[in-house]
Amino acid sequence: MSQSGVPSFAELLAGARCSAVHLEMRDAYGVGDEAAEFEEFKRTGQVHLDPTARWWPSWLGLVREAVGRGVVMRRARIVSEPVTDYIRWEHAATALNVEAGERVRWLPRRQAVDLALPGADFWLIDDRLVQFNIFTGDGDWADPPKEFSEDPAVVKLCSNAFEAVWERAVDHAKYTV
């Protein structure tokens, strides 16, 4: 547990037994550790798929470890079309997530208009705990950046929302930007 008493995502994922699902609903994020790579993509149109660069080793290690012990990791992204530069970059880099064992799907926002969705991105661990990721208007982490809930009604809302998005979404290999 971190010094603040709030579990890190690594700790949450280490405790997962069956599933970890992630719903992303923003068209752009502005978190600092991605800034240099995203700016380079905007300048060059190129994504470096080096799994040893920047934050990838720690993230891909977490994914491989969880998937290796049987945790199903799924990520769904709701995106506006035409997509933003950020989503174009994210789509190009998603190959690393998939190679590590995450299942990723994309849902055009127009196909999500009739779905009941929570007000923030989230991770749902084992259908028991929700970690909401809270961002500023510019897409950087808010302070505090995370909120948690084990309330059965909140868990059910997030689980139902994720499954509805997942059912309609297009597999990463088939979604083109």
N, C-alpha and C. Protein backbone atom coordinates (compact mmCIF):
# COMPACT_ATOMS: atom_id res chain seq x y z
N MET A 1 0.86 -1.18 0.00
CA MET A 1 0.00 0.00 0.00
C MET A 1 0.90 1.23 0.00
N SER A 2 0.51 2.23 -0.78
CA SER A 2 1.30 3.45 -0.86
C SER A 2 1.24 4.20 0.47
N GLN A 3 2.10 5.21 0.62
CA GLN A 3 2.14 5.98 1.87
C GLN A 3 0.82 6.67 2.15
N SER A 4 0.06 7.01 1.11
CA SER A 4 -1.21 7.69 1.31
C SER A 4 -2.31 6.74 1.77
N GLY A 5 -2.01 5.44 1.78
CA GLY A 5 -3.02 4.46 2.14
C GLY A 5 -3.91 4.06 0.97
N VAL A 6 -3.67 4.66 -0.18
CA VAL A 6 -4.43 4.35 -1.39
C VAL A 6 -3.63 3.32 -2.18
N PRO A 7 -4.26 2.21 -2.54
CA PRO A 7 -3.49 1.19 -3.27
C PRO A 7 -3.08 1.69 -4.65
N SER A 8 -1.89 1.30 -5.06
CA SER A 8 -1.45 1.62 -6.41
C SER A 8 -2.19 0.68 -7.37
N PHE A 9 -2.16 1.04 -8.66
CA PHE A 9 -2.79 0.15 -9.63
C PHE A 9 -2.08 -1.20 -9.65
N ALA A 10 -0.77 -1.19 -9.51
CA ALA A 10 -0.02 -2.46 -9.48
C ALA A 10 -0.51 -3.35 -8.35
N GLU A 11 -0.79 -2.75 -7.20
CA GLU A 11 -1.31 -3.53 -6.06
C GLU A 11 -2.71 -4.06 -6.35
N LEU A 12 -3.56 -3.22 -6.97
CA LEU A 12 -4.91 -3.68 -7.31
C LEU A 12 -4.85 -4.85 -8.29
N LEU A 13 -4.02 -4.70 -9.32
CA LEU A 13 -3.93 -5.75 -10.32
C LEU A 13 -3.31 -7.01 -9.74
N ALA A 14 -2.36 -6.88 -8.85
CA ALA A 14 -1.75 -8.04 -8.20
C ALA A 14 -2.78 -8.84 -7.41
N GLY A 15 -3.82 -8.15 -6.91
CA GLY A 15 -4.87 -8.82 -6.16
C GLY A 15 -5.99 -9.38 -7.02
N ALA A 16 -5.96 -9.09 -8.31
CA ALA A 16 -7.02 -9.58 -9.20
C ALA A 16 -6.88 -11.09 -9.37
N ARG A 17 -8.03 -11.75 -9.39
CA ARG A 17 -8.03 -13.21 -9.56
C ARG A 17 -8.59 -13.64 -10.90
N CYS A 18 -9.57 -12.89 -11.42
CA CYS A 18 -10.25 -13.32 -12.65
C CYS A 18 -10.19 -12.29 -13.77
N SER A 19 -10.46 -11.03 -13.43
CA SER A 19 -10.62 -10.05 -14.51
C SER A 19 -10.20 -8.65 -14.08
N ALA A 20 -9.77 -7.90 -15.08
CA ALA A 20 -9.48 -6.48 -14.93
C ALA A 20 -9.92 -5.84 -16.23
N VAL A 21 -10.95 -5.00 -16.16
CA VAL A 21 -11.46 -4.35 -17.37
C VAL A 21 -11.32 -2.85 -17.22
N HIS A 22 -11.05 -2.21 -18.36
CA HIS A 22 -10.78 -0.77 -18.37
C HIS A 22 -11.62 -0.11 -19.44
N LEU A 23 -12.36 0.92 -19.06
CA LEU A 23 -13.13 1.70 -20.02
C LEU A 23 -12.52 3.09 -20.10
N GLU A 24 -12.16 3.49 -21.32
CA GLU A 24 -11.61 4.80 -21.60
C GLU A 24 -12.60 5.55 -22.48
N MET A 25 -12.89 6.80 -22.12
CA MET A 25 -13.92 7.54 -22.83
C MET A 25 -13.49 8.92 -23.31
N ARG A 26 -12.24 9.29 -23.14
CA ARG A 26 -11.76 10.60 -23.58
C ARG A 26 -11.14 10.49 -24.97
N ASP A 27 -11.19 11.57 -25.72
CA ASP A 27 -10.55 11.61 -27.04
C ASP A 27 -9.11 12.08 -26.97
N ALA A 28 -8.69 12.57 -25.83
CA ALA A 28 -7.30 12.98 -25.64
C ALA A 28 -7.00 12.99 -24.15
N TYR A 29 -5.78 12.60 -23.84
CA TYR A 29 -5.27 12.66 -22.48
C TYR A 29 -4.04 13.55 -22.54
N GLY A 30 -3.68 14.11 -21.42
CA GLY A 30 -2.52 14.98 -21.38
C GLY A 30 -1.61 14.66 -20.22
N VAL A 31 -1.42 13.38 -19.93
CA VAL A 31 -0.59 13.00 -18.80
C VAL A 31 0.88 13.16 -19.17
N GLY A 32 1.64 13.67 -18.23
CA GLY A 32 3.01 14.07 -18.47
C GLY A 32 3.93 13.01 -19.03
N ASP A 33 3.80 11.77 -18.56
CA ASP A 33 4.76 10.75 -19.01
C ASP A 33 4.57 10.34 -20.46
N GLU A 34 3.49 10.77 -21.10
CA GLU A 34 3.27 10.47 -22.51
C GLU A 34 3.62 11.64 -23.43
N ALA A 35 3.83 12.79 -22.87
CA ALA A 35 3.92 14.02 -23.66
C ALA A 35 5.00 13.99 -24.74
N ALA A 36 6.20 13.58 -24.40
CA ALA A 36 7.30 13.61 -25.38
C ALA A 36 7.02 12.66 -26.54
N GLU A 37 6.54 11.46 -26.22
CA GLU A 37 6.26 10.48 -27.27
C GLU A 37 5.11 10.94 -28.18
N PHE A 38 4.10 11.52 -27.57
CA PHE A 38 2.96 12.01 -28.36
C PHE A 38 3.39 13.17 -29.25
N GLU A 39 4.18 14.09 -28.73
CA GLU A 39 4.66 15.22 -29.53
C GLU A 39 5.49 14.72 -30.72
N GLU A 40 6.31 13.72 -30.48
CA GLU A 40 7.11 13.15 -31.57
C GLU A 40 6.19 12.54 -32.64
N PHE A 41 5.15 11.84 -32.19
CA PHE A 41 4.19 11.27 -33.14
C PHE A 41 3.53 12.38 -33.97
N LYS A 42 3.14 13.48 -33.33
CA LYS A 42 2.51 14.56 -34.07
C LYS A 42 3.46 15.17 -35.10
N ARG A 43 4.75 15.22 -34.77
CA ARG A 43 5.74 15.76 -35.71
C ARG A 43 6.04 14.80 -36.85
N THR A 44 6.16 13.50 -36.54
CA THR A 44 6.69 12.54 -37.51
C THR A 44 5.66 11.56 -38.05
N GLY A 45 4.56 11.35 -37.30
CA GLY A 45 3.59 10.33 -37.68
C GLY A 45 4.06 8.92 -37.34
N GLN A 46 5.18 8.81 -36.65
CA GLN A 46 5.75 7.51 -36.32
C GLN A 46 5.56 7.18 -34.84
N VAL A 47 5.29 5.90 -34.58
CA VAL A 47 5.22 5.40 -33.21
C VAL A 47 6.35 4.40 -33.04
N HIS A 48 7.07 4.54 -31.95
CA HIS A 48 8.15 3.60 -31.66
C HIS A 48 7.58 2.48 -30.78
N LEU A 49 7.54 1.30 -31.32
CA LEU A 49 6.97 0.16 -30.60
C LEU A 49 8.08 -0.61 -29.87
N ASP A 50 8.84 0.13 -29.10
CA ASP A 50 9.92 -0.46 -28.31
C ASP A 50 9.37 -0.75 -26.91
N PRO A 51 9.19 -2.02 -26.58
CA PRO A 51 8.61 -2.35 -25.27
C PRO A 51 9.53 -2.05 -24.10
N THR A 52 10.76 -1.61 -24.36
CA THR A 52 11.68 -1.28 -23.27
C THR A 52 11.77 0.23 -23.04
N ALA A 53 11.05 1.01 -23.83
CA ALA A 53 11.13 2.47 -23.72
C ALA A 53 10.10 3.03 -22.75
N ARG A 54 10.43 4.15 -22.17
CA ARG A 54 9.57 4.96 -21.32
C ARG A 54 8.87 4.13 -20.23
N TRP A 55 7.54 4.19 -20.20
CA TRP A 55 6.77 3.52 -19.14
C TRP A 55 6.41 2.09 -19.52
N TRP A 56 6.67 1.68 -20.75
CA TRP A 56 6.21 0.37 -21.21
C TRP A 56 6.72 -0.81 -20.39
N PRO A 57 8.00 -0.87 -20.00
CA PRO A 57 8.43 -2.07 -19.27
C PRO A 57 7.61 -2.36 -18.02
N SER A 58 7.31 -1.33 -17.23
CA SER A 58 6.55 -1.60 -16.01
C SER A 58 5.11 -2.00 -16.35
N TRP A 59 4.49 -1.30 -17.30
CA TRP A 59 3.10 -1.62 -17.65
C TRP A 59 2.99 -3.01 -18.27
N LEU A 60 3.83 -3.28 -19.25
CA LEU A 60 3.74 -4.57 -19.94
C LEU A 60 4.07 -5.71 -18.99
N GLY A 61 4.97 -5.47 -18.04
CA GLY A 61 5.27 -6.48 -17.02
C GLY A 61 4.06 -6.79 -16.16
N LEU A 62 3.33 -5.74 -15.76
CA LEU A 62 2.10 -5.94 -14.97
C LEU A 62 1.08 -6.76 -15.75
N VAL A 63 0.91 -6.42 -17.02
CA VAL A 63 -0.06 -7.12 -17.85
C VAL A 63 0.34 -8.58 -18.02
N ARG A 64 1.58 -8.82 -18.39
CA ARG A 64 2.03 -10.21 -18.61
C ARG A 64 1.89 -11.04 -17.34
N GLU A 65 2.23 -10.46 -16.21
CA GLU A 65 2.14 -11.19 -14.95
C GLU A 65 0.68 -11.55 -14.65
N ALA A 66 -0.20 -10.58 -14.80
CA ALA A 66 -1.62 -10.83 -14.50
C ALA A 66 -2.21 -11.86 -15.46
N VAL A 67 -1.97 -11.67 -16.75
CA VAL A 67 -2.49 -12.61 -17.75
C VAL A 67 -1.90 -13.99 -17.53
N GLY A 68 -0.64 -14.04 -17.16
CA GLY A 68 0.04 -15.32 -16.92
C GLY A 68 -0.56 -16.11 -15.78
N ARG A 69 -1.20 -15.43 -14.83
CA ARG A 69 -1.85 -16.16 -13.73
C ARG A 69 -3.35 -16.29 -13.94
N GLY A 70 -3.79 -16.01 -15.19
CA GLY A 70 -5.18 -16.29 -15.54
C GLY A 70 -6.14 -15.13 -15.50
N VAL A 71 -5.66 -13.92 -15.23
CA VAL A 71 -6.53 -12.76 -15.21
C VAL A 71 -6.80 -12.33 -16.65
N VAL A 72 -8.07 -12.18 -16.99
CA VAL A 72 -8.45 -11.69 -18.32
C VAL A 72 -8.46 -10.18 -18.26
N MET A 73 -7.62 -9.55 -19.09
CA MET A 73 -7.56 -8.09 -19.13
C MET A 73 -8.17 -7.61 -20.43
N ARG A 74 -9.21 -6.78 -20.28
CA ARG A 74 -9.88 -6.21 -21.45
C ARG A 74 -9.93 -4.70 -21.30
N ARG A 75 -9.74 -4.02 -22.44
CA ARG A 75 -9.77 -2.56 -22.48
C ARG A 75 -10.70 -2.16 -23.63
N ALA A 76 -11.63 -1.27 -23.34
CA ALA A 76 -12.52 -0.75 -24.38
C ALA A 76 -12.37 0.76 -24.41
N ARG A 77 -12.33 1.28 -25.63
CA ARG A 77 -12.17 2.72 -25.81
C ARG A 77 -13.32 3.25 -26.65
N ILE A 78 -14.00 4.26 -26.12
CA ILE A 78 -15.05 4.96 -26.86
C ILE A 78 -14.39 6.18 -27.48
N VAL A 79 -14.51 6.31 -28.81
CA VAL A 79 -13.79 7.38 -29.51
C VAL A 79 -14.70 8.11 -30.48
N SER A 80 -14.45 9.42 -30.60
CA SER A 80 -15.14 10.22 -31.61
C SER A 80 -14.47 9.95 -32.96
N GLU A 81 -15.26 10.06 -34.02
CA GLU A 81 -14.73 9.92 -35.37
C GLU A 81 -15.11 11.14 -36.18
N PRO A 82 -14.20 11.66 -37.00
CA PRO A 82 -12.83 11.16 -37.15
C PRO A 82 -12.06 11.30 -35.84
N VAL A 83 -11.09 10.42 -35.66
CA VAL A 83 -10.37 10.36 -34.39
C VAL A 83 -9.39 11.53 -34.26
N THR A 84 -9.05 11.85 -33.03
CA THR A 84 -8.05 12.88 -32.74
C THR A 84 -6.66 12.33 -33.01
N ASP A 85 -5.69 13.23 -33.06
CA ASP A 85 -4.29 12.79 -33.18
C ASP A 85 -3.91 11.88 -32.02
N TYR A 86 -4.41 12.21 -30.83
CA TYR A 86 -4.09 11.38 -29.67
C TYR A 86 -4.59 9.95 -29.88
N ILE A 87 -5.81 9.79 -30.33
CA ILE A 87 -6.37 8.44 -30.54
C ILE A 87 -5.61 7.74 -31.66
N ARG A 88 -5.22 8.46 -32.69
CA ARG A 88 -4.42 7.87 -33.77
C ARG A 88 -3.11 7.31 -33.20
N TRP A 89 -2.47 8.09 -32.33
CA TRP A 89 -1.23 7.66 -31.68
C TRP A 89 -1.49 6.46 -30.77
N GLU A 90 -2.53 6.55 -29.97
CA GLU A 90 -2.87 5.47 -29.05
C GLU A 90 -3.17 4.18 -29.81
N HIS A 91 -3.90 4.30 -30.91
CA HIS A 91 -4.22 3.12 -31.73
C HIS A 91 -2.95 2.47 -32.24
N ALA A 92 -2.01 3.28 -32.71
CA ALA A 92 -0.77 2.73 -33.25
C ALA A 92 0.06 2.04 -32.18
N ALA A 93 0.02 2.55 -30.96
CA ALA A 93 0.81 1.97 -29.87
C ALA A 93 0.13 0.77 -29.21
N THR A 94 -1.14 0.56 -29.48
CA THR A 94 -1.90 -0.51 -28.82
C THR A 94 -1.36 -1.91 -29.15
N ALA A 95 -0.61 -2.03 -30.22
CA ALA A 95 -0.01 -3.33 -30.55
C ALA A 95 0.77 -3.89 -29.36
N LEU A 96 1.42 -3.02 -28.59
CA LEU A 96 2.18 -3.49 -27.43
C LEU A 96 1.25 -4.04 -26.35
N ASN A 97 0.13 -3.38 -26.13
CA ASN A 97 -0.84 -3.88 -25.15
C ASN A 97 -1.33 -5.27 -25.54
N VAL A 98 -1.66 -5.41 -26.81
CA VAL A 98 -2.19 -6.68 -27.32
C VAL A 98 -1.14 -7.78 -27.22
N GLU A 99 0.10 -7.47 -27.60
CA GLU A 99 1.17 -8.46 -27.51
C GLU A 99 1.39 -8.94 -26.07
N ALA A 100 1.16 -8.06 -25.11
CA ALA A 100 1.34 -8.42 -23.71
C ALA A 100 0.18 -9.25 -23.16
N GLY A 101 -0.95 -9.27 -23.89
CA GLY A 101 -2.07 -10.10 -23.45
C GLY A 101 -3.36 -9.37 -23.19
N GLU A 102 -3.37 -8.05 -23.32
CA GLU A 102 -4.63 -7.32 -23.18
C GLU A 102 -5.48 -7.54 -24.42
N ARG A 103 -6.77 -7.61 -24.22
CA ARG A 103 -7.72 -7.61 -25.32
C ARG A 103 -8.25 -6.19 -25.42
N VAL A 104 -8.23 -5.62 -26.63
CA VAL A 104 -8.61 -4.22 -26.79
C VAL A 104 -9.64 -4.10 -27.89
N ARG A 105 -10.68 -3.31 -27.61
CA ARG A 105 -11.71 -3.01 -28.61
C ARG A 105 -11.98 -1.51 -28.62
N TRP A 106 -12.52 -1.05 -29.76
CA TRP A 106 -12.81 0.36 -30.01
C TRP A 106 -14.27 0.51 -30.38
N LEU A 107 -14.94 1.52 -29.81
CA LEU A 107 -16.33 1.78 -30.13
C LEU A 107 -16.50 3.23 -30.56
N PRO A 108 -16.93 3.46 -31.80
CA PRO A 108 -17.23 4.84 -32.21
C PRO A 108 -18.30 5.44 -31.29
N ARG A 109 -18.08 6.66 -30.88
CA ARG A 109 -18.97 7.33 -29.92
C ARG A 109 -20.44 7.33 -30.37
N ARG A 110 -20.69 7.47 -31.66
CA ARG A 110 -22.07 7.46 -32.16
C ARG A 110 -22.79 6.16 -31.85
N GLN A 111 -22.04 5.08 -31.68
CA GLN A 111 -22.65 3.79 -31.37
C GLN A 111 -22.83 3.59 -29.86
N ALA A 112 -22.44 4.59 -29.08
CA ALA A 112 -22.57 4.50 -27.63
C ALA A 112 -23.60 5.46 -27.06
N VAL A 113 -24.29 6.21 -27.92
CA VAL A 113 -25.16 7.28 -27.42
C VAL A 113 -26.31 6.78 -26.56
N ASP A 114 -26.73 5.54 -26.74
CA ASP A 114 -27.85 5.03 -25.94
C ASP A 114 -27.41 4.16 -24.77
N LEU A 115 -26.12 4.21 -24.42
CA LEU A 115 -25.61 3.41 -23.30
C LEU A 115 -25.51 4.26 -22.03
N ALA A 116 -25.84 3.66 -20.91
CA ALA A 116 -25.66 4.32 -19.61
C ALA A 116 -24.20 4.12 -19.20
N LEU A 117 -23.46 5.24 -19.13
CA LEU A 117 -22.04 5.17 -18.83
C LEU A 117 -21.73 6.01 -17.60
N PRO A 118 -20.75 5.57 -16.78
CA PRO A 118 -20.35 6.40 -15.65
C PRO A 118 -19.66 7.66 -16.14
N GLY A 119 -19.46 8.61 -15.26
CA GLY A 119 -18.91 9.90 -15.64
C GLY A 119 -17.40 9.96 -15.74
N ALA A 120 -16.71 8.86 -15.54
CA ALA A 120 -15.24 8.87 -15.62
C ALA A 120 -14.75 7.52 -16.11
N ASP A 121 -13.55 7.52 -16.67
CA ASP A 121 -12.88 6.27 -17.03
C ASP A 121 -12.72 5.43 -15.76
N PHE A 122 -12.62 4.14 -15.94
CA PHE A 122 -12.45 3.29 -14.76
C PHE A 122 -11.77 1.98 -15.09
N TRP A 123 -11.25 1.37 -14.04
CA TRP A 123 -10.83 -0.02 -14.02
C TRP A 123 -11.79 -0.74 -13.09
N LEU A 124 -12.23 -1.92 -13.48
CA LEU A 124 -13.07 -2.77 -12.64
C LEU A 124 -12.31 -4.06 -12.41
N ILE A 125 -12.03 -4.35 -11.16
CA ILE A 125 -11.25 -5.52 -10.79
C ILE A 125 -12.19 -6.59 -10.22
N ASP A 126 -12.21 -7.75 -10.88
CA ASP A 126 -12.97 -8.92 -10.42
C ASP A 126 -14.44 -8.63 -10.11
N ASP A 127 -15.04 -7.69 -10.81
CA ASP A 127 -16.44 -7.33 -10.57
C ASP A 127 -16.72 -7.05 -9.10
N ARG A 128 -15.73 -6.44 -8.42
CA ARG A 128 -15.91 -6.15 -7.00
C ARG A 128 -15.42 -4.76 -6.59
N LEU A 129 -14.45 -4.22 -7.34
CA LEU A 129 -13.84 -2.95 -6.97
C LEU A 129 -13.66 -2.09 -8.22
N VAL A 130 -14.11 -0.84 -8.14
CA VAL A 130 -13.94 0.11 -9.24
C VAL A 130 -12.92 1.15 -8.82
N GLN A 131 -11.95 1.38 -9.71
CA GLN A 131 -11.04 2.50 -9.56
C GLN A 131 -11.38 3.48 -10.68
N PHE A 132 -11.91 4.64 -10.32
CA PHE A 132 -12.19 5.68 -11.30
C PHE A 132 -10.92 6.49 -11.52
N ASN A 133 -10.60 6.76 -12.77
CA ASN A 133 -9.46 7.62 -13.11
C ASN A 133 -10.01 9.01 -13.39
N ILE A 134 -9.55 9.97 -12.62
CA ILE A 134 -10.07 11.33 -12.69
C ILE A 134 -9.04 12.23 -13.36
N PHE A 135 -9.49 12.95 -14.40
CA PHE A 135 -8.61 13.82 -15.18
C PHE A 135 -9.12 15.26 -15.14
N THR A 136 -8.21 16.18 -15.37
CA THR A 136 -8.58 17.59 -15.52
C THR A 136 -9.16 17.79 -16.92
N GLY A 137 -9.66 18.98 -17.17
CA GLY A 137 -10.18 19.28 -18.50
C GLY A 137 -9.12 19.16 -19.59
N ASP A 138 -7.86 19.38 -19.24
CA ASP A 138 -6.76 19.25 -20.20
C ASP A 138 -6.28 17.82 -20.35
N GLY A 139 -6.85 16.90 -19.58
CA GLY A 139 -6.50 15.50 -19.72
C GLY A 139 -5.37 15.02 -18.83
N ASP A 140 -4.88 15.86 -17.93
CA ASP A 140 -3.86 15.42 -16.99
C ASP A 140 -4.55 14.84 -15.76
N TRP A 141 -3.78 14.15 -14.94
CA TRP A 141 -4.35 13.59 -13.72
C TRP A 141 -4.86 14.70 -12.81
N ALA A 142 -6.05 14.54 -12.28
CA ALA A 142 -6.58 15.46 -11.27
C ALA A 142 -5.93 15.13 -9.94
N ASP A 143 -6.21 15.92 -8.93
CA ASP A 143 -5.65 15.66 -7.61
C ASP A 143 -6.79 15.54 -6.61
N PRO A 144 -7.04 14.40 -6.02
CA PRO A 144 -6.35 13.13 -6.26
C PRO A 144 -6.78 12.52 -7.59
N PRO A 145 -5.91 11.69 -8.18
CA PRO A 145 -6.19 11.16 -9.52
C PRO A 145 -7.14 9.97 -9.55
N LYS A 146 -7.43 9.40 -8.39
CA LYS A 146 -8.22 8.18 -8.38
C LYS A 146 -9.27 8.22 -7.28
N GLU A 147 -10.39 7.57 -7.56
CA GLU A 147 -11.45 7.39 -6.58
C GLU A 147 -11.81 5.91 -6.64
N PHE A 148 -12.22 5.34 -5.53
CA PHE A 148 -12.51 3.92 -5.47
C PHE A 148 -13.92 3.67 -4.95
N SER A 149 -14.50 2.56 -5.39
CA SER A 149 -15.80 2.17 -4.86
C SER A 149 -15.94 0.65 -4.88
N GLU A 150 -16.49 0.14 -3.81
CA GLU A 150 -16.90 -1.27 -3.75
C GLU A 150 -18.41 -1.37 -3.59
N ASP A 151 -19.09 -0.24 -3.70
CA ASP A 151 -20.54 -0.20 -3.60
C ASP A 151 -21.13 -1.10 -4.69
N PRO A 152 -21.94 -2.09 -4.33
CA PRO A 152 -22.48 -3.01 -5.33
C PRO A 152 -23.23 -2.31 -6.48
N ALA A 153 -23.92 -1.21 -6.20
CA ALA A 153 -24.63 -0.50 -7.26
C ALA A 153 -23.66 0.15 -8.24
N VAL A 154 -22.57 0.69 -7.74
CA VAL A 154 -21.56 1.33 -8.59
C VAL A 154 -20.83 0.26 -9.41
N VAL A 155 -20.48 -0.85 -8.76
CA VAL A 155 -19.83 -1.96 -9.45
C VAL A 155 -20.73 -2.47 -10.57
N LYS A 156 -22.02 -2.61 -10.29
CA LYS A 156 -22.96 -3.10 -11.31
C LYS A 156 -23.08 -2.11 -12.47
N LEU A 157 -23.17 -0.81 -12.17
CA LEU A 157 -23.22 0.20 -13.22
C LEU A 157 -22.01 0.08 -14.14
N CYS A 158 -20.82 -0.01 -13.55
CA CYS A 158 -19.59 -0.08 -14.34
C CYS A 158 -19.48 -1.38 -15.10
N SER A 159 -19.85 -2.48 -14.47
CA SER A 159 -19.80 -3.77 -15.15
C SER A 159 -20.76 -3.79 -16.34
N ASN A 160 -21.98 -3.33 -16.12
CA ASN A 160 -22.96 -3.30 -17.21
C ASN A 160 -22.51 -2.37 -18.33
N ALA A 161 -21.97 -1.21 -17.97
CA ALA A 161 -21.49 -0.26 -18.98
C ALA A 161 -20.37 -0.88 -19.80
N PHE A 162 -19.41 -1.48 -19.12
CA PHE A 162 -18.29 -2.06 -19.84
C PHE A 162 -18.76 -3.17 -20.78
N GLU A 163 -19.60 -4.06 -20.29
CA GLU A 163 -20.05 -5.18 -21.12
C GLU A 163 -20.87 -4.70 -22.32
N ALA A 164 -21.66 -3.66 -22.14
CA ALA A 164 -22.44 -3.12 -23.26
C ALA A 164 -21.50 -2.53 -24.32
N VAL A 165 -20.48 -1.81 -23.88
CA VAL A 165 -19.51 -1.25 -24.81
C VAL A 165 -18.75 -2.38 -25.50
N TRP A 166 -18.29 -3.34 -24.73
CA TRP A 166 -17.50 -4.45 -25.27
C TRP A 166 -18.28 -5.21 -26.34
N GLU A 167 -19.55 -5.44 -26.09
CA GLU A 167 -20.39 -6.19 -27.04
C GLU A 167 -20.47 -5.48 -28.39
N ARG A 168 -20.53 -4.16 -28.39
CA ARG A 168 -20.67 -3.39 -29.64
C ARG A 168 -19.33 -3.04 -30.30
N ALA A 169 -18.28 -3.06 -29.52
CA ALA A 169 -16.99 -2.54 -29.99
C ALA A 169 -16.33 -3.47 -31.00
N VAL A 170 -15.40 -2.88 -31.73
CA VAL A 170 -14.66 -3.57 -32.79
C VAL A 170 -13.29 -3.96 -32.25
N ASP A 171 -12.89 -5.20 -32.50
CA ASP A 171 -11.59 -5.68 -32.07
C ASP A 171 -10.48 -4.79 -32.64
N HIS A 172 -9.44 -4.60 -31.87
CA HIS A 172 -8.33 -3.73 -32.28
C HIS A 172 -7.81 -4.10 -33.68
N ALA A 173 -7.67 -5.38 -33.95
CA ALA A 173 -7.12 -5.82 -35.25
C ALA A 173 -7.99 -5.39 -36.43
N LYS A 174 -9.27 -5.14 -36.18
CA LYS A 174 -10.20 -4.79 -37.25
C LYS A 174 -10.57 -3.32 -37.29
N TYR A 175 -10.21 -2.57 -36.25
CA TYR A 175 -10.59 -1.16 -36.20
C TYR A 175 -9.51 -0.32 -36.87
N THR A 176 -9.90 0.46 -37.83
CA THR A 176 -8.94 1.33 -38.51
C THR A 176 -9.24 2.79 -38.17
N VAL A 177 -8.18 3.57 -38.09
CA VAL A 177 -8.35 5.00 -37.79
C VAL A 177 -8.08 5.82 -39.04
